[in-house]
Protein backbone atom coordinates (compact mmCIF):
# COMPACT_ATOMS: atom_id res chain seq x y z
CA MET A 1 31.19 -90.11 -18.20
CA ALA A 2 32.87 -88.18 -15.38
CA LEU A 3 31.49 -87.77 -11.91
CA TYR A 4 31.65 -84.44 -10.12
CA LYS A 5 32.41 -83.67 -6.47
CA GLU A 6 32.14 -80.37 -4.61
CA ILE A 7 35.03 -79.18 -2.50
CA VAL A 8 34.48 -76.50 0.12
CA THR A 9 37.66 -74.47 0.74
CA LYS A 10 38.85 -71.02 1.80
CA ALA A 11 39.83 -68.66 -1.01
CA VAL A 12 39.88 -64.95 -1.92
CA VAL A 13 36.21 -64.25 -2.60
CA GLY A 14 36.49 -60.44 -2.93
CA LYS A 15 39.28 -58.05 -3.78
CA GLY A 16 39.54 -54.29 -4.32
CA LYS A 17 41.76 -51.25 -3.95
CA LYS A 18 41.07 -47.61 -3.19
CA TYR A 19 43.12 -44.42 -3.69
CA ILE A 20 42.47 -41.84 -0.99
CA LYS A 21 43.63 -38.19 -0.85
CA ASN A 22 42.79 -35.96 2.12
CA SER A 23 43.62 -32.37 3.09
CA TYR A 24 44.40 -31.34 6.66
CA THR A 25 45.57 -28.23 8.57
CA ILE A 26 47.73 -27.97 11.64
CA ALA A 27 48.17 -25.00 13.93
CA THR A 28 51.68 -23.78 14.82
CA GLU A 29 52.88 -21.93 17.91
CA THR A 30 55.02 -19.52 15.86
CA LYS A 31 54.50 -17.95 12.44
CA PRO A 32 56.16 -20.25 9.88
CA THR A 33 58.59 -18.79 7.36
CA THR A 34 59.35 -21.87 5.28
CA VAL A 35 58.28 -25.52 5.34
CA LEU A 36 61.44 -27.58 5.31
CA GLY A 37 59.97 -31.09 5.23
CA CYS A 38 56.92 -33.24 5.84
CA TRP A 39 56.95 -36.97 6.57
CA VAL A 40 54.44 -39.61 7.60
CA ILE A 41 55.31 -42.38 10.07
CA ASN A 42 53.70 -45.08 12.24
CA HIS A 43 50.94 -46.12 9.83
CA LYS A 44 48.70 -48.74 11.49
CA PHE A 45 45.37 -50.16 10.21
CA LYS A 46 42.86 -52.95 10.64
CA GLY A 47 40.02 -54.15 8.48
CA TYR A 48 36.57 -55.37 9.52
CA LYS A 49 33.28 -56.39 7.97
CA SER A 50 30.40 -53.89 8.32
CA GLY A 51 27.25 -55.31 6.74
CA ASP A 52 27.96 -55.80 3.04
CA LYS A 53 30.92 -53.36 3.11
CA ILE A 54 34.49 -53.50 4.42
CA GLY A 55 35.74 -50.85 6.80
CA VAL A 56 39.34 -49.94 7.53
CA ASP A 57 40.27 -48.08 10.72
CA GLY A 58 43.77 -46.66 10.81
CA SER A 59 46.07 -43.92 11.96
CA TYR A 60 49.43 -42.36 11.18
CA ASP A 61 51.58 -39.52 12.49
CA VAL A 62 52.47 -36.49 10.36
CA ASN A 63 55.59 -34.49 11.25
CA ILE A 64 56.15 -31.09 9.59
CA TRP A 65 59.52 -29.39 9.96
CA TYR A 66 59.44 -25.66 9.42
CA SER A 67 61.51 -22.54 10.04
CA TYR A 68 60.35 -19.35 11.72
CA GLU A 69 61.72 -15.89 12.67
CA ASN A 70 62.99 -15.27 9.11
CA ASN A 71 64.54 -18.74 8.74
CA SER A 72 66.73 -18.34 11.85
CA LYS A 73 65.10 -21.12 13.95
CA THR A 74 63.42 -24.43 13.23
CA THR A 75 60.94 -26.74 14.93
CA VAL A 76 58.75 -29.74 14.19
CA VAL A 77 55.02 -29.85 14.68
CA ASN A 78 53.24 -33.17 14.63
CA LYS A 79 49.70 -34.43 14.35
CA LYS A 80 48.17 -37.89 14.75
CA ILE A 81 45.60 -38.51 12.03
CA GLU A 82 42.97 -41.22 12.47
CA TYR A 83 40.85 -42.37 9.56
CA ASN A 84 37.97 -44.70 8.72
CA ASP A 85 37.60 -45.70 5.07
CA ILE A 86 34.74 -47.78 3.66
CA PHE A 87 35.23 -50.17 0.74
CA ASN A 88 32.52 -51.59 -1.56
CA VAL A 89 34.25 -54.84 -2.48
CA LYS A 90 32.66 -56.97 -5.18
CA ILE A 91 32.10 -60.56 -3.99
CA LYS A 92 32.73 -63.42 -6.42
CA GLU A 93 30.04 -65.94 -7.22
CA ASN A 94 29.33 -68.86 -4.83
CA ALA A 95 30.94 -67.04 -1.89
CA ASP A 96 29.46 -67.42 1.58
CA LEU A 97 30.14 -64.32 3.73
CA ASN A 98 27.92 -65.56 6.56
CA GLY A 99 30.57 -68.04 7.66
CA ASP A 100 34.06 -67.44 8.94
CA THR A 101 35.60 -64.67 6.83
CA GLU A 102 38.96 -63.00 7.15
CA ILE A 103 39.68 -59.39 6.05
CA ILE A 104 43.21 -58.72 4.79
CA VAL A 105 44.27 -55.10 4.31
CA ARG A 106 47.49 -54.16 2.51
CA THR A 107 49.10 -50.82 1.94
CA LEU A 108 49.64 -50.53 -1.83
CA GLN A 109 50.99 -47.02 -1.40
CA GLN A 110 52.11 -45.80 2.01
CA PRO A 111 50.63 -42.49 3.21
CA ASN A 112 52.69 -39.74 1.64
CA CYS A 113 52.65 -35.95 1.92
CA MET A 114 51.94 -34.50 -1.53
CA SER A 115 51.91 -30.76 -0.90
CA VAL A 116 52.37 -28.34 2.01
CA LYS A 117 51.32 -24.67 2.16
CA ILE A 118 51.64 -22.00 4.83
CA LEU A 119 48.28 -20.26 5.42
CA ASP A 120 47.77 -16.65 6.46
CA ASN A 121 46.52 -17.59 9.93
CA ASP A 122 49.80 -19.27 11.06
CA GLU A 123 48.49 -22.71 10.12
CA ILE A 124 50.01 -25.20 7.72
CA SER A 125 47.85 -27.00 5.16
CA PHE A 126 48.97 -30.36 3.76
CA ASP A 127 47.65 -33.11 1.48
CA ILE A 128 48.16 -36.83 2.25
CA GLU A 129 47.59 -39.60 -0.28
CA LYS A 130 47.54 -43.36 0.22
CA GLU A 131 46.25 -46.49 -1.52
CA LEU A 132 44.87 -49.48 0.33
CA GLY A 133 44.04 -52.97 -0.97
CA VAL A 134 41.44 -55.21 0.65
CA GLU A 135 41.00 -58.97 0.26
CA ILE A 136 38.11 -60.99 1.67
CA VAL A 137 38.96 -64.61 2.39
CA GLY A 138 35.90 -66.82 2.86
CA GLU A 139 34.47 -70.23 2.06
CA THR A 140 33.70 -71.15 -1.51
CA LYS A 141 32.79 -74.27 -3.44
CA MET A 142 34.60 -75.81 -6.37
CA LYS A 143 33.40 -78.62 -8.60
CA ILE A 144 35.95 -81.11 -9.84
CA ALA A 145 35.65 -84.00 -12.25
CA ILE A 146 36.34 -87.47 -10.82
CA GLU A 147 37.57 -90.28 -13.03
CA GLU A 148 35.77 -93.57 -12.37
CA GLU A 149 38.68 -95.80 -13.35
CA GLU A 150 42.34 -95.46 -12.66
CA GLU A 151 44.54 -95.21 -15.70
CA PRO A 152 46.55 -98.37 -16.34
CA TRP A 153 50.25 -98.47 -15.51
CA GLU A 154 52.62 -98.48 -18.43
CA ASP A 155 55.46 -100.97 -18.59
CA ILE A 156 58.89 -99.37 -18.67
CA LEU A 157 61.40 -101.25 -20.75
CA ASP A 158 65.09 -100.71 -20.20
CA ASP A 159 67.10 -100.18 -23.32
CA VAL A 160 70.16 -101.87 -21.80
CA ASN A 161 71.95 -104.64 -23.62
CA GLU A 162 74.68 -107.08 -22.53
CA ASP A 163 77.50 -104.82 -23.75
CA ASP A 164 76.22 -101.93 -21.64
CA LEU A 165 76.11 -104.11 -18.52
CA LYS A 166 79.73 -105.31 -19.14
CA GLU A 167 80.85 -101.69 -19.51
CA ILE A 168 79.16 -100.70 -16.21
CA ASP A 169 80.86 -103.60 -14.41
CA ASN A 170 84.30 -102.56 -15.70
């Protein structure tokens, strides 16, 4: 009959991912003719526990390159976008979130500009998509079986005879 012991350790006790798509507009100083490019840089984020949910605060910069005056001049307009996303992460059994927990946030898909349109009022509309993954590391218990007796040692017999020893010496 085996005995059981409980081990308390840190492990991933909750895990989830979320795809997010948002639309934004940005005002321009001149009437755009053509959008030449859109890129997202400087993505920063941090996760935190908020009750029974996980929050992620973050920001990134969007730069839109466009032409104006009938494609004769170009400029770049930029906008810093801040966000707060809430995750409902399912917690695994036997997890204790009241103790010391750590929130790990990963970017599964970096923020990316999906579409850009010039609006009639000299503004540019654009869609940004991203996917974030969240892991909750906390204390959990494991039960392991303990053997009462140690297994006996086996004798190892060498299969070496006198002829083999003479050959090694030579």
